[in-house]
């Protein structure tokens, strides 16, 4: 069976690692929808520069896809406002999901966040919860929601606060056992590998993967 992937947010930490994993993992074609091209070349890579405000114009890119991977995400600081944050983290993923569903895509996999809940008092967690609810309502044959803790990896953009938090989390990793294990920081590459592994399993239904589970299913096999 020809395996075709569509990756949204391929320039981010998880998306970039995922794109490389898919290209090296036997997927015949990996379509990435980006605002700026990746510094990556591969015969199976199809990069399409898009305007997210006109996403419907690119609906043909979802046709024939085996799975859609949504790794879209920003920060309120970068977005400029809560409204703009919601546009990127909520509206774009749900618009893409609608196009994917209409195109017959069976598997949709998305990076959410630990603590995601539409009822949360925290704006970030509430937004992620709304995304999850919208994706569930879309009715995919297989929907996979990944809820990682703090992501580790080298970003192209500068996030001083996140780097400081990552340094602390790395230093305390040895102590993150028992109930604290669910808060362990996680390499973006491990989240990416978990997403690819789950896509290959092609399971039906709605599945939520907590941080502890991602640590396990995202391990690189020796």
Protein backbone atom coordinates (compact mmCIF):
# COMPACT_ATOMS: atom_id res chain seq x y z
CA UNK A 1 0.00 0.00 0.00
CA UNK A 2 1.31 3.45 -0.90
CA UNK A 3 1.74 5.54 2.21
CA UNK A 4 1.23 9.27 1.78
CA UNK A 5 1.53 11.67 4.69
CA UNK A 6 0.45 15.28 5.07
CA UNK A 7 2.32 17.23 7.75
CA UNK A 8 1.02 20.53 9.11
CA UNK A 9 3.53 22.56 11.11
CA UNK A 10 6.61 20.92 9.60
CA UNK A 11 8.87 23.81 10.54
CA UNK A 12 8.31 23.34 14.28
CA UNK A 13 10.20 21.08 16.69
CA UNK A 14 7.94 18.03 16.38
CA UNK A 15 6.94 18.63 12.78
CA UNK A 16 10.50 18.87 11.53
CA UNK A 17 11.56 15.67 13.30
CA UNK A 18 8.41 13.90 12.13
CA UNK A 19 8.96 14.89 8.50
CA UNK A 20 12.46 13.42 8.59
CA UNK A 21 11.21 10.25 10.28
CA UNK A 22 8.50 9.74 7.67
CA UNK A 23 10.90 10.31 4.78
CA UNK A 24 13.37 7.84 6.26
CA UNK A 25 10.68 5.42 7.37
CA UNK A 26 9.41 4.19 4.04
CA UNK A 27 6.59 6.65 3.36
CA UNK A 28 6.48 7.16 -0.39
CA UNK A 29 5.39 10.79 -0.27
CA UNK A 30 5.39 13.39 2.48
CA UNK A 31 3.47 16.56 1.72
CA UNK A 32 4.29 19.50 3.97
CA UNK A 33 2.13 22.64 4.05
CA UNK A 34 4.36 25.49 5.13
CA UNK A 35 4.71 29.26 5.04
CA UNK A 36 8.46 29.00 4.60
CA UNK A 37 10.33 26.10 2.96
CA UNK A 38 12.25 23.54 4.98
CA UNK A 39 15.99 23.28 4.49
CA UNK A 40 15.50 19.67 3.54
CA UNK A 41 15.71 17.80 0.28
CA UNK A 42 14.38 14.33 -0.43
CA UNK A 43 12.80 12.72 -3.49
CA UNK A 44 9.71 11.87 -1.44
CA UNK A 45 9.25 15.37 -0.04
CA UNK A 46 6.63 17.67 -1.55
CA UNK A 47 6.75 21.17 -0.08
CA UNK A 48 3.85 23.51 -0.73
CA UNK A 49 4.02 27.15 0.36
CA UNK A 50 0.51 28.07 1.43
CA UNK A 51 -1.57 30.90 2.82
CA UNK A 52 -3.30 29.47 5.88
CA UNK A 53 -6.07 32.00 5.54
CA UNK A 54 -6.92 30.42 2.18
CA UNK A 55 -6.43 26.78 3.19
CA UNK A 56 -9.49 25.58 1.26
CA UNK A 57 -7.65 26.42 -1.96
CA UNK A 58 -5.18 23.65 -1.19
CA UNK A 59 -7.72 20.94 -0.45
CA UNK A 60 -6.34 18.70 -3.22
CA UNK A 61 -3.22 18.18 -1.10
CA UNK A 62 -5.25 16.03 1.30
CA UNK A 63 -6.52 13.71 -1.44
CA UNK A 64 -5.13 10.20 -1.23
CA UNK A 65 -3.36 10.79 2.08
CA UNK A 66 -2.98 7.81 4.39
CA UNK A 67 -2.65 10.08 7.43
CA UNK A 68 -2.57 13.74 8.35
CA UNK A 69 -0.22 14.86 11.11
CA UNK A 70 -1.01 18.18 12.78
CA UNK A 71 1.93 19.73 14.63
CA UNK A 72 0.74 23.32 14.42
CA UNK A 73 1.44 25.55 17.38
CA UNK A 74 2.65 28.98 18.38
CA UNK A 75 2.92 31.16 21.49
CA UNK A 76 0.82 34.14 22.51
CA UNK A 77 3.97 36.27 22.44
CA UNK A 78 4.74 35.28 18.85
CA UNK A 79 1.10 35.44 17.75
CA UNK A 80 0.63 38.87 19.32
CA UNK A 81 -2.73 38.25 20.98
CA UNK A 82 -5.00 35.52 22.28
CA UNK A 83 -7.16 35.92 19.18
CA UNK A 84 -4.23 35.33 16.84
CA UNK A 85 -3.07 32.43 18.99
CA UNK A 86 -6.47 30.79 18.61
CA UNK A 87 -6.28 31.31 14.87
CA UNK A 88 -3.10 29.23 14.63
CA UNK A 89 -3.70 26.67 17.38
CA UNK A 90 -7.46 26.22 17.01
CA UNK A 91 -8.90 27.48 13.74
CA UNK A 92 -6.19 26.22 11.39
CA UNK A 93 -6.13 22.64 12.79
CA UNK A 94 -9.93 22.36 12.64
CA UNK A 95 -10.04 23.79 9.11
CA UNK A 96 -7.42 21.27 8.02
CA UNK A 97 -9.33 18.47 9.73
CA UNK A 98 -12.50 19.39 7.85
CA UNK A 99 -10.66 19.25 4.51
CA UNK A 100 -8.98 15.98 5.45
CA UNK A 101 -12.28 14.39 6.44
CA UNK A 102 -13.97 15.60 3.24
CA UNK A 103 -11.07 14.10 1.25
CA UNK A 104 -11.56 10.68 2.81
CA UNK A 105 -8.54 10.67 5.13
CA UNK A 106 -8.92 7.91 7.72
CA UNK A 107 -6.16 8.74 10.21
CA UNK A 108 -5.60 12.13 11.87
CA UNK A 109 -2.85 12.59 14.42
CA UNK A 110 -2.38 15.82 16.38
CA UNK A 111 -0.03 17.24 18.98
CA UNK A 112 -2.08 18.60 21.87
CA UNK A 113 -0.75 19.34 25.35
CA UNK A 114 -0.70 17.98 28.85
CA UNK A 115 -3.69 19.34 30.73
CA UNK A 116 -5.75 20.01 27.62
CA UNK A 117 -9.37 20.62 28.59
CA UNK A 118 -12.07 22.80 27.11
CA UNK A 119 -13.18 23.55 30.68
CA UNK A 120 -9.76 24.65 31.92
CA UNK A 121 -9.33 28.12 33.42
CA UNK A 122 -5.95 28.32 31.71
CA UNK A 123 -6.27 29.89 28.26
CA UNK A 124 -3.63 27.67 26.64
CA UNK A 125 -5.02 24.42 28.04
CA UNK A 126 -8.57 25.51 27.23
CA UNK A 127 -7.63 26.21 23.61
CA UNK A 128 -6.00 22.81 23.26
CA UNK A 129 -9.09 21.22 24.77
CA UNK A 130 -11.30 22.97 22.23
CA UNK A 131 -9.11 21.62 19.44
CA UNK A 132 -9.46 18.11 20.80
CA UNK A 133 -13.24 18.43 21.01
CA UNK A 134 -13.42 19.72 17.45
CA UNK A 135 -11.25 16.92 16.12
CA UNK A 136 -13.32 14.29 17.92
CA UNK A 137 -16.48 15.79 16.43
CA UNK A 138 -14.97 15.50 12.93
CA UNK A 139 -15.45 11.74 13.14
CA UNK A 140 -12.22 10.29 11.80
CA UNK A 141 -11.88 6.52 11.60
CA UNK A 142 -8.76 6.88 13.71
CA UNK A 143 -8.01 9.99 15.78
CA UNK A 144 -4.83 10.15 17.85
CA UNK A 145 -4.18 12.98 20.30
CA UNK A 146 -0.72 13.36 21.83
CA UNK A 147 -0.36 15.25 25.11
CA UNK A 148 3.35 15.84 25.77
CA UNK A 149 4.87 17.81 28.61
CA UNK A 150 7.57 20.42 27.94
CA UNK A 151 9.23 19.72 24.59
CA UNK A 152 13.00 19.47 24.34
CA UNK A 153 14.95 20.32 21.20
CA UNK A 154 16.64 23.10 19.29
CA UNK A 155 14.15 25.60 17.90
CA UNK A 156 14.94 27.95 15.05
CA UNK A 157 13.17 30.73 16.94
CA UNK A 158 14.33 32.08 20.28
CA UNK A 159 12.26 31.18 23.36
CA UNK A 160 14.42 32.14 26.39
CA UNK A 161 11.79 31.22 28.97
CA UNK A 162 11.27 27.80 27.44
CA UNK A 163 15.03 27.18 27.27
CA UNK A 164 15.38 28.00 30.95
CA UNK A 165 12.49 25.69 31.85
CA UNK A 166 13.99 22.93 29.71
CA UNK A 167 17.33 23.25 31.50
CA UNK A 168 15.63 22.89 34.88
CA UNK A 169 13.56 19.93 33.71
CA UNK A 170 16.64 18.16 32.36
CA UNK A 171 18.46 18.66 35.64
CA UNK A 172 15.54 17.25 37.62
CA UNK A 173 14.77 14.38 35.27
CA UNK A 174 16.34 11.81 37.63
CA UNK A 175 13.83 12.79 40.29
CA UNK A 176 10.78 12.59 38.04
CA UNK A 177 9.53 9.20 39.21
CA UNK A 178 6.25 7.90 40.53
CA UNK A 179 3.46 10.46 40.25
CA UNK A 180 5.94 13.08 39.02
CA UNK A 181 6.86 10.96 35.97
CA UNK A 182 3.99 12.38 33.96
CA UNK A 183 5.63 15.82 34.06
CA UNK A 184 8.99 14.72 32.61
CA UNK A 185 10.15 16.90 29.74
CA UNK A 186 10.23 14.99 26.48
CA UNK A 187 12.39 15.30 23.35
CA UNK A 188 10.38 16.48 20.36
CA UNK A 189 12.00 13.68 18.37
CA UNK A 190 10.40 11.14 20.71
CA UNK A 191 6.96 12.68 20.17
CA UNK A 192 7.54 12.56 16.42
CA UNK A 193 8.57 8.91 16.52
CA UNK A 194 5.52 8.05 18.62
CA UNK A 195 3.25 9.71 16.07
CA UNK A 196 4.77 7.75 13.20
CA UNK A 197 4.60 4.46 15.11
CA UNK A 198 0.93 4.99 15.90
CA UNK A 199 0.14 5.94 12.30
CA UNK A 200 1.72 2.69 11.11
CA UNK A 201 -0.44 0.73 13.57
CA UNK A 202 -3.53 2.18 11.83
CA UNK A 203 -5.89 1.65 14.76
CA UNK A 204 -9.50 2.83 14.81
CA UNK A 205 -11.25 4.98 17.38
CA UNK A 206 -10.24 7.98 19.47
CA UNK A 207 -7.01 7.59 21.41
CA UNK A 208 -5.28 9.98 23.81
CA UNK A 209 -1.58 9.44 24.57
CA UNK A 210 -0.33 10.93 27.82
CA UNK A 211 3.24 12.07 28.35
CA UNK A 212 4.25 8.84 30.07
CA UNK A 213 2.87 6.76 27.20
CA UNK A 214 4.60 8.90 24.57
CA UNK A 215 7.92 8.31 26.34
CA UNK A 216 7.38 4.58 25.82
CA UNK A 217 5.95 4.38 22.30
CA UNK A 218 8.37 7.01 21.02
CA UNK A 219 11.50 5.05 21.89
CA UNK A 220 13.84 4.39 18.99
CA UNK A 221 14.22 0.66 18.58
CA UNK A 222 17.80 -0.61 18.76
